[in-house]
Amino acid sequence: MKGIIFDFNGTLFWDSKLHYEAWREFSKELRGYEFSDDEMRNKMFGHTNSDIIEYAIGRKPSEEMVKKYAEEKEALYRQRCLLDRANLKLAPGATEFLDFLKEKNIPRTIATMSEWSNVEFYIKEFQLAKWFDLDKIVFSDGTIPGKPAPDIFLIAAQRINLAPKDCLVIEDAIAGIKSAKAAGIGEIYAITSMEPDEFYQNIDGVNKIIHNFNEINRNIFDNKLAKV
């Protein structure tokens, strides 16, 4: 592999539980009862807020509705993050792994379906500019189809000047794994931030299951590209 693309939520930042809680609360408001666990896995993670709201209400939402509920939900989510300072940190092994990528000058970026308000929050809280060119981060800007469409990973690969086949993607969501596979990504690793190993074992496209970033064999990268 010549470069790496990270999903963010549930991958670099293990925040899936906080998103679960926020969307469960808003799903009750939207349709009168909570999303089930299967709905959360298949219809929430990796999807845009617009897609999630459309699924919940069973029709195409207005732009005003999407904006209102998305802003309220994301504000609630960020508030929960700040109230849980002990867990407002990057995933186990992530800092050391990002330091390695930076030292070796290995192309890297983030491809997240989070909207800018959250991305801006992450940049500040995790000091992401230490490791990433912020202009290369791909996020949900209203023009990119949600995962499992391949677009976000195709754009991310292009931004780091690599073919998708030369990229490693780290994901935690079914939609994200399907998106990476559809984009022709060379290697796809599933990280068990919330789900057990068994959850990923039969998902088409997963090349390896990891439990933290210390488990990535750093020799997977083509160090001929690196500036040592």
Protein backbone atom coordinates (compact mmCIF):
# COMPACT_ATOMS: atom_id res chain seq x y z
CA MET A 1 0.00 0.00 0.00
CA LYS A 2 1.16 3.52 -0.77
CA GLY A 3 -1.25 5.50 1.41
CA ILE A 4 -4.06 5.31 3.95
CA ILE A 5 -7.57 6.71 4.28
CA PHE A 6 -9.22 6.78 7.68
CA ASP A 7 -12.87 6.86 8.47
CA PHE A 8 -13.19 8.96 11.63
CA ASN A 9 -16.20 8.18 13.80
CA GLY A 10 -15.82 4.79 15.41
CA THR A 11 -12.38 4.50 13.83
CA LEU A 12 -9.92 7.22 14.83
CA PHE A 13 -12.36 8.40 17.50
CA TRP A 14 -14.38 5.74 19.32
CA ASP A 15 -17.57 7.72 19.68
CA SER A 16 -20.15 5.29 18.31
CA LYS A 17 -21.97 5.04 21.64
CA LEU A 18 -22.46 8.82 21.72
CA HIS A 19 -23.93 8.83 18.20
CA TYR A 20 -26.16 5.91 19.17
CA GLU A 21 -27.52 7.83 22.14
CA ALA A 22 -28.08 11.04 20.18
CA TRP A 23 -29.80 9.34 17.23
CA ARG A 24 -31.96 7.18 19.49
CA GLU A 25 -33.22 10.35 21.15
CA PHE A 26 -33.92 12.05 17.82
CA SER A 27 -35.47 8.97 16.22
CA LYS A 28 -38.15 9.03 18.92
CA GLU A 29 -38.87 12.65 18.05
CA LEU A 30 -38.93 11.89 14.32
CA ARG A 31 -41.12 8.80 14.32
CA GLY A 32 -42.26 8.11 17.87
CA TYR A 33 -39.96 5.20 18.71
CA GLU A 34 -36.22 4.49 18.75
CA PHE A 35 -34.04 3.02 16.04
CA SER A 36 -33.27 -0.66 16.66
CA ASP A 37 -29.68 -1.89 16.88
CA ASP A 38 -29.89 -3.28 13.34
CA GLU A 39 -31.26 0.01 12.03
CA MET A 40 -28.42 1.86 13.71
CA ARG A 41 -25.82 -0.42 12.09
CA ASN A 42 -27.36 -0.45 8.63
CA LYS A 43 -29.11 2.90 8.28
CA MET A 44 -27.18 5.32 10.49
CA PHE A 45 -23.43 4.71 10.56
CA GLY A 46 -21.73 6.02 7.43
CA HIS A 47 -24.85 7.71 6.10
CA THR A 48 -25.60 11.40 5.75
CA ASN A 49 -27.96 13.14 8.16
CA SER A 50 -30.32 13.69 5.23
CA ASP A 51 -30.37 9.94 4.46
CA ILE A 52 -30.97 9.06 8.12
CA ILE A 53 -33.85 11.51 8.50
CA GLU A 54 -35.40 10.33 5.21
CA TYR A 55 -35.28 6.74 6.44
CA ALA A 56 -36.80 7.68 9.80
CA ILE A 57 -39.78 9.59 8.41
CA GLY A 58 -40.29 7.51 5.27
CA ARG A 59 -40.15 10.40 2.81
CA LYS A 60 -37.76 12.96 1.42
CA PRO A 61 -37.27 15.63 4.09
CA SER A 62 -37.21 19.32 3.35
CA GLU A 63 -33.90 21.14 3.52
CA GLU A 64 -35.24 23.06 6.51
CA MET A 65 -36.05 19.84 8.38
CA VAL A 66 -32.62 18.35 7.65
CA LYS A 67 -30.87 21.50 8.79
CA LYS A 68 -32.93 21.79 11.98
CA TYR A 69 -32.60 18.19 13.15
CA ALA A 70 -29.01 17.77 12.00
CA GLU A 71 -27.88 20.89 13.85
CA GLU A 72 -29.74 19.88 17.00
CA LYS A 73 -28.49 16.32 16.92
CA GLU A 74 -24.86 17.24 16.27
CA ALA A 75 -24.91 19.91 18.98
CA LEU A 76 -26.25 17.33 21.44
CA TYR A 77 -23.57 14.87 20.33
CA ARG A 78 -20.74 17.40 20.77
CA GLN A 79 -22.08 18.33 24.18
CA ARG A 80 -21.97 14.67 25.19
CA CYS A 81 -18.39 14.46 23.92
CA LEU A 82 -17.34 17.41 26.07
CA LEU A 83 -19.10 15.99 29.13
CA ASP A 84 -17.09 12.77 28.74
CA ARG A 85 -13.61 14.32 28.68
CA ALA A 86 -11.98 11.09 29.85
CA ASN A 87 -12.92 9.47 26.54
CA LEU A 88 -12.43 12.52 24.32
CA LYS A 89 -9.23 11.13 22.84
CA LEU A 90 -8.04 9.30 19.77
CA ALA A 91 -8.34 5.52 19.58
CA PRO A 92 -5.74 3.25 21.20
CA GLY A 93 -2.47 3.36 19.26
CA ALA A 94 -3.72 6.10 16.91
CA THR A 95 -1.33 8.84 18.03
CA GLU A 96 1.72 6.60 17.66
CA PHE A 97 0.53 5.34 14.29
CA LEU A 98 -0.14 8.84 13.00
CA ASP A 99 3.31 9.91 14.16
CA PHE A 100 4.77 7.04 12.15
CA LEU A 101 2.83 8.02 9.01
CA LYS A 102 3.98 11.61 9.36
CA GLU A 103 7.62 10.63 9.94
CA LYS A 104 7.62 8.39 6.87
CA ASN A 105 5.67 10.92 4.80
CA ILE A 106 3.07 8.31 3.88
CA PRO A 107 0.08 9.89 2.09
CA ARG A 108 -2.96 9.98 4.35
CA THR A 109 -6.33 11.62 4.84
CA ILE A 110 -9.73 11.28 6.48
CA ALA A 111 -12.98 10.41 4.69
CA THR A 112 -15.94 10.98 7.01
CA MET A 113 -19.65 11.48 6.52
CA SER A 114 -19.60 13.94 9.41
CA GLU A 115 -20.57 17.49 8.53
CA TRP A 116 -18.22 20.46 8.86
CA SER A 117 -19.44 21.50 12.32
CA ASN A 118 -18.22 18.17 13.70
CA VAL A 119 -15.05 18.07 11.60
CA GLU A 120 -14.13 21.54 12.88
CA PHE A 121 -14.74 20.28 16.42
CA TYR A 122 -12.44 17.27 15.84
CA ILE A 123 -9.70 19.42 14.30
CA LYS A 124 -9.67 21.58 17.42
CA GLU A 125 -10.08 18.88 20.08
CA PHE A 126 -7.63 16.36 18.58
CA GLN A 127 -5.20 18.83 16.97
CA LEU A 128 -5.57 17.00 13.67
CA ALA A 129 -3.44 19.55 11.83
CA LYS A 130 -0.41 17.87 13.44
CA TRP A 131 -0.93 14.87 11.15
CA PHE A 132 -3.27 15.83 8.31
CA ASP A 133 -3.43 18.39 5.54
CA LEU A 134 -6.83 19.83 6.47
CA ASP A 135 -7.60 20.72 2.85
CA LYS A 136 -7.47 17.02 1.98
CA ILE A 137 -10.05 15.88 4.53
CA VAL A 138 -13.26 14.72 2.82
CA PHE A 139 -16.50 15.33 4.72
CA SER A 140 -20.23 15.56 4.08
CA ASP A 141 -20.67 18.90 2.34
CA GLY A 142 -24.09 18.21 0.84
CA THR A 143 -22.72 17.17 -2.55
CA ILE A 144 -21.20 13.76 -1.77
CA PRO A 145 -23.51 10.71 -1.66
CA GLY A 146 -23.43 8.90 1.66
CA LYS A 147 -21.72 5.57 2.10
CA PRO A 148 -22.09 2.85 0.74
CA ALA A 149 -21.71 4.89 -2.46
CA PRO A 150 -18.01 4.83 -3.43
CA ASP A 151 -17.66 8.58 -4.04
CA ILE A 152 -16.12 9.62 -0.72
CA PHE A 153 -13.21 7.17 -1.01
CA LEU A 154 -12.66 7.95 -4.67
CA ILE A 155 -12.38 11.64 -3.77
CA ALA A 156 -10.11 10.89 -0.81
CA ALA A 157 -7.73 8.80 -2.92
CA GLN A 158 -7.61 11.55 -5.52
CA ARG A 159 -6.76 14.15 -2.85
CA ILE A 160 -3.69 12.19 -1.78
CA ASN A 161 -2.76 11.58 -5.44
CA LEU A 162 -3.13 7.81 -5.34
CA ALA A 163 -5.18 5.21 -7.16
CA PRO A 164 -7.79 3.57 -4.89
CA LYS A 165 -6.06 0.21 -5.36
CA ASP A 166 -2.94 1.62 -3.70
CA CYS A 167 -4.79 2.73 -0.56
CA LEU A 168 -5.54 1.06 2.76
CA VAL A 169 -8.87 2.05 4.33
CA ILE A 170 -9.69 1.68 8.03
CA GLU A 171 -13.43 1.44 8.72
CA ASP A 172 -15.83 0.28 11.41
CA ALA A 173 -19.21 0.53 9.66
CA ILE A 174 -20.90 -1.82 7.21
CA ALA A 175 -21.75 1.09 4.90
CA GLY A 176 -18.14 2.28 4.99
CA ILE A 177 -16.73 -1.14 4.17
CA LYS A 178 -19.15 -1.48 1.24
CA SER A 179 -18.18 2.01 0.07
CA ALA A 180 -14.47 1.21 0.16
CA LYS A 181 -15.00 -2.06 -1.70
CA ALA A 182 -17.11 -0.33 -4.36
CA ALA A 183 -14.35 2.27 -4.78
CA GLY A 184 -11.79 -0.44 -5.54
CA ILE A 185 -9.71 0.17 -2.41
CA GLY A 186 -6.72 -2.17 -2.23
CA GLU A 187 -6.96 -3.23 1.42
CA ILE A 188 -9.82 -2.76 3.90
CA TYR A 189 -9.30 -3.22 7.63
CA ALA A 190 -12.22 -3.36 10.04
CA ILE A 191 -11.53 -2.00 13.52
CA THR A 192 -13.55 -3.38 16.42
CA SER A 193 -14.30 -0.17 18.26
CA MET A 194 -17.75 -1.38 19.28
CA GLU A 195 -18.63 -4.59 17.46
CA PRO A 196 -16.97 -7.99 18.13
CA ASP A 197 -14.70 -9.76 15.65
CA GLU A 198 -17.56 -12.05 14.61
CA PHE A 199 -19.54 -9.10 13.28
CA TYR A 200 -16.95 -8.50 10.54
CA GLN A 201 -15.90 -12.05 9.69
CA ASN A 202 -18.42 -12.59 6.90
CA ILE A 203 -18.51 -9.06 5.48
CA ASP A 204 -17.32 -9.08 1.88
CA GLY A 205 -14.28 -6.90 1.35
CA VAL A 206 -12.72 -7.05 4.82
CA ASN A 207 -9.07 -8.11 4.51
CA LYS A 208 -8.18 -7.93 8.19
CA ILE A 209 -9.80 -7.27 11.56
CA ILE A 210 -7.87 -5.15 14.05
CA HIS A 211 -8.59 -4.11 17.63
CA ASN A 212 -6.39 -1.01 17.78
CA PHE A 213 -3.87 0.84 15.64
CA ASN A 214 -0.88 -0.92 17.16
CA GLU A 215 -1.94 -4.05 15.26
CA ILE A 216 -1.30 -2.61 11.81
CA ASN A 217 1.86 -4.06 10.31
CA ARG A 218 3.74 -0.97 9.26
CA ASN A 219 5.60 -2.92 6.59
CA ILE A 220 2.37 -2.93 4.58
CA PHE A 221 3.35 0.49 3.27
CA ASP A 222 5.62 1.01 0.31
CA ASN A 223 8.48 2.82 2.04
CA LYS A 224 10.04 3.72 -1.30
CA LEU A 225 7.64 6.67 -1.12
CA ALA A 226 8.82 7.66 2.33
CA LYS A 227 11.29 10.37 3.20
CA VAL A 228 13.24 8.74 6.00
